[in-house]
C-alpha atoms as a PDB file:
ATOM      1  CA  UNK A   1     -55.300 230.948 -64.976  1.00  0.00           C
ATOM      2  CA  UNK A   2     -55.531 234.515 -66.227  1.00  0.00           C
ATOM      3  CA  UNK A   3     -53.673 237.444 -64.670  1.00  0.00           C
ATOM      4  CA  UNK A   4     -56.985 238.995 -63.599  1.00  0.00           C
ATOM      5  CA  UNK A   5     -57.912 235.816 -61.695  1.00  0.00           C
ATOM      6  CA  UNK A   6     -54.498 235.821 -60.020  1.00  0.00           C
ATOM      7  CA  UNK A   7     -54.898 239.474 -58.985  1.00  0.00           C
ATOM      8  CA  UNK A   8     -58.412 238.821 -57.693  1.00  0.00           C
ATOM      9  CA  UNK A   9     -57.248 235.766 -55.741  1.00  0.00           C
ATOM     10  CA  UNK A  10     -54.361 237.676 -54.175  1.00  0.00           C
ATOM     11  CA  UNK A  11     -56.708 240.538 -53.261  1.00  0.00           C
ATOM     12  CA  UNK A  12     -59.122 238.076 -51.640  1.00  0.00           C
ATOM     13  CA  UNK A  13     -56.346 236.423 -49.631  1.00  0.00           C
ATOM     14  CA  UNK A  14     -55.005 239.803 -48.466  1.00  0.00           C
ATOM     15  CA  UNK A  15     -58.488 241.007 -47.485  1.00  0.00           C
ATOM     16  CA  UNK A  16     -59.287 237.898 -45.484  1.00  0.00           C
ATOM     17  CA  UNK A  17     -55.856 237.644 -43.863  1.00  0.00           C
ATOM     18  CA  UNK A  18     -55.812 241.305 -42.828  1.00  0.00           C
ATOM     19  CA  UNK A  19     -58.334 240.744 -40.028  1.00  0.00           C
ATOM     20  CA  UNK A  20     -56.704 237.650 -38.521  1.00  0.00           C
ATOM     21  CA  UNK A  21     -53.862 239.427 -36.638  1.00  0.00           C
ATOM     22  CA  UNK A  22     -56.319 241.899 -35.059  1.00  0.00           C
ATOM     23  CA  UNK A  23     -58.769 239.158 -34.055  1.00  0.00           C
ATOM     24  CA  UNK A  24     -55.984 237.013 -32.590  1.00  0.00           C
ATOM     25  CA  UNK A  25     -54.518 239.988 -30.696  1.00  0.00           C
ATOM     26  CA  UNK A  26     -57.917 240.586 -29.112  1.00  0.00           C
ATOM     27  CA  UNK A  27     -58.159 236.930 -28.103  1.00  0.00           C
ATOM     28  CA  UNK A  28     -54.655 237.029 -26.644  1.00  0.00           C
ATOM     29  CA  UNK A  29     -54.768 240.387 -24.845  1.00  0.00           C
ATOM     30  CA  UNK A  30     -58.553 240.953 -24.459  1.00  0.00           C
ATOM     31  CA  UNK A  31     -57.777 244.625 -25.134  1.00  0.00           C
ATOM     32  CA  UNK A  32     -60.094 246.457 -27.529  1.00  0.00           C
ATOM     33  CA  UNK A  33     -59.726 250.015 -26.236  1.00  0.00           C
ATOM     34  CA  UNK A  34     -57.926 251.273 -29.340  1.00  0.00           C
ATOM     35  CA  UNK A  35     -60.567 249.892 -31.715  1.00  0.00           C
ATOM     36  CA  UNK A  36     -63.286 252.172 -33.022  1.00  0.00           C
ATOM     37  CA  UNK A  37     -66.694 250.468 -32.729  1.00  0.00           C
ATOM     38  CA  UNK A  38     -68.161 252.964 -35.215  1.00  0.00           C
ATOM     39  CA  UNK A  39     -65.554 252.065 -37.839  1.00  0.00           C
ATOM     40  CA  UNK A  40     -66.113 248.344 -37.298  1.00  0.00           C
ATOM     41  CA  UNK A  41     -69.892 248.820 -37.583  1.00  0.00           C
ATOM     42  CA  UNK A  42     -69.348 250.370 -41.010  1.00  0.00           C
ATOM     43  CA  UNK A  43     -66.816 247.702 -41.967  1.00  0.00           C
ATOM     44  CA  UNK A  44     -69.080 244.858 -40.868  1.00  0.00           C
ATOM     45  CA  UNK A  45     -72.068 246.389 -42.648  1.00  0.00           C
ATOM     46  CA  UNK A  46     -69.989 246.845 -45.788  1.00  0.00           C
ATOM     47  CA  UNK A  47     -68.904 243.204 -45.801  1.00  0.00           C
ATOM     48  CA  UNK A  48     -72.494 242.062 -45.199  1.00  0.00           C
ATOM     49  CA  UNK A  49     -73.623 244.154 -48.178  1.00  0.00           C
ATOM     50  CA  UNK A  50     -70.777 242.865 -50.380  1.00  0.00           C
ATOM     51  CA  UNK A  51     -71.748 239.312 -49.415  1.00  0.00           C
ATOM     52  CA  UNK A  52     -75.393 239.985 -50.309  1.00  0.00           C
ATOM     53  CA  UNK A  53     -74.229 241.511 -53.606  1.00  0.00           C
ATOM     54  CA  UNK A  54     -72.203 238.375 -54.331  1.00  0.00           C
ATOM     55  CA  UNK A  55     -75.220 236.196 -53.508  1.00  0.00           C
ATOM     56  CA  UNK A  56     -77.342 238.295 -55.861  1.00  0.00           C
ATOM     57  CA  UNK A  57     -74.799 237.814 -58.635  1.00  0.00           C
ATOM     58  CA  UNK A  58     -74.161 234.176 -57.665  1.00  0.00           C
ATOM     59  CA  UNK A  59     -70.440 234.940 -57.611  1.00  0.00           C
ATOM     60  CA  UNK A  60     -68.757 232.536 -55.203  1.00  0.00           C
ATOM     61  CA  UNK A  61     -65.479 234.482 -54.971  1.00  0.00           C
ATOM     62  CA  UNK A  62     -67.396 237.546 -53.714  1.00  0.00           C
ATOM     63  CA  UNK A  63     -69.549 235.471 -51.382  1.00  0.00           C
ATOM     64  CA  UNK A  64     -66.695 233.520 -49.793  1.00  0.00           C
ATOM     65  CA  UNK A  65     -64.212 236.379 -49.467  1.00  0.00           C
ATOM     66  CA  UNK A  66     -66.683 238.892 -48.099  1.00  0.00           C
ATOM     67  CA  UNK A  67     -68.409 236.273 -45.957  1.00  0.00           C
ATOM     68  CA  UNK A  68     -65.106 235.425 -44.243  1.00  0.00           C
ATOM     69  CA  UNK A  69     -64.253 239.113 -43.840  1.00  0.00           C
ATOM     70  CA  UNK A  70     -67.756 239.742 -42.452  1.00  0.00           C
ATOM     71  CA  UNK A  71     -67.328 237.013 -39.822  1.00  0.00           C
ATOM     72  CA  UNK A  72     -63.896 238.270 -38.740  1.00  0.00           C
ATOM     73  CA  UNK A  73     -64.980 241.924 -38.637  1.00  0.00           C
ATOM     74  CA  UNK A  74     -68.168 240.965 -36.766  1.00  0.00           C
ATOM     75  CA  UNK A  75     -66.085 239.042 -34.215  1.00  0.00           C
ATOM     76  CA  UNK A  76     -63.864 242.084 -33.671  1.00  0.00           C
ATOM     77  CA  UNK A  77     -66.923 244.357 -33.380  1.00  0.00           C
ATOM     78  CA  UNK A  78     -68.651 242.069 -30.882  1.00  0.00           C
ATOM     79  CA  UNK A  79     -65.490 241.764 -28.792  1.00  0.00           C
ATOM     80  CA  UNK A  80     -65.207 245.562 -28.802  1.00  0.00           C
ATOM     81  CA  UNK A  81     -68.775 245.951 -27.530  1.00  0.00           C
ATOM     82  CA  UNK A  82     -68.760 243.177 -24.900  1.00  0.00           C
ATOM     83  CA  UNK A  83     -68.144 243.917 -21.227  1.00  0.00           C
ATOM     84  CA  UNK A  84     -64.769 242.673 -19.998  1.00  0.00           C
ATOM     85  CA  UNK A  85     -66.157 239.609 -18.207  1.00  0.00           C
ATOM     86  CA  UNK A  86     -67.936 238.361 -21.351  1.00  0.00           C
ATOM     87  CA  UNK A  87     -64.905 239.252 -23.477  1.00  0.00           C
ATOM     88  CA  UNK A  88     -62.739 237.069 -21.217  1.00  0.00           C
ATOM     89  CA  UNK A  89     -65.168 234.129 -21.557  1.00  0.00           C
ATOM     90  CA  UNK A  90     -65.230 234.371 -25.350  1.00  0.00           C
ATOM     91  CA  UNK A  91     -61.438 234.725 -25.570  1.00  0.00           C
ATOM     92  CA  UNK A  92     -61.004 231.673 -23.311  1.00  0.00           C
ATOM     93  CA  UNK A  93     -63.344 229.639 -25.543  1.00  0.00           C
ATOM     94  CA  UNK A  94     -61.597 230.699 -28.750  1.00  0.00           C
ATOM     95  CA  UNK A  95     -58.107 230.089 -27.393  1.00  0.00           C
ATOM     96  CA  UNK A  96     -59.073 226.773 -25.795  1.00  0.00           C
ATOM     97  CA  UNK A  97     -58.247 227.815 -22.223  1.00  0.00           C
END
């Protein structure tokens, strides 16, 4: 495995893992007040575009990494936009309560 593949793999892991603590915190606390919906709209759109770019190039590392990041960012965005009652239902489903 080349050093460039190792760097790319580490970058992909860091990118995907970076959203997990935020998503889990939202599930646990149901608090999204400090999250900017505008920023997450841009982030989600960016990951969707990166995924489409990867599909266009047929590059699985781009598709998988950005697809996972898109799903996590979209989850955070949706939870930010939902009313509290719906947010509680989703969090209960995700956490298995």
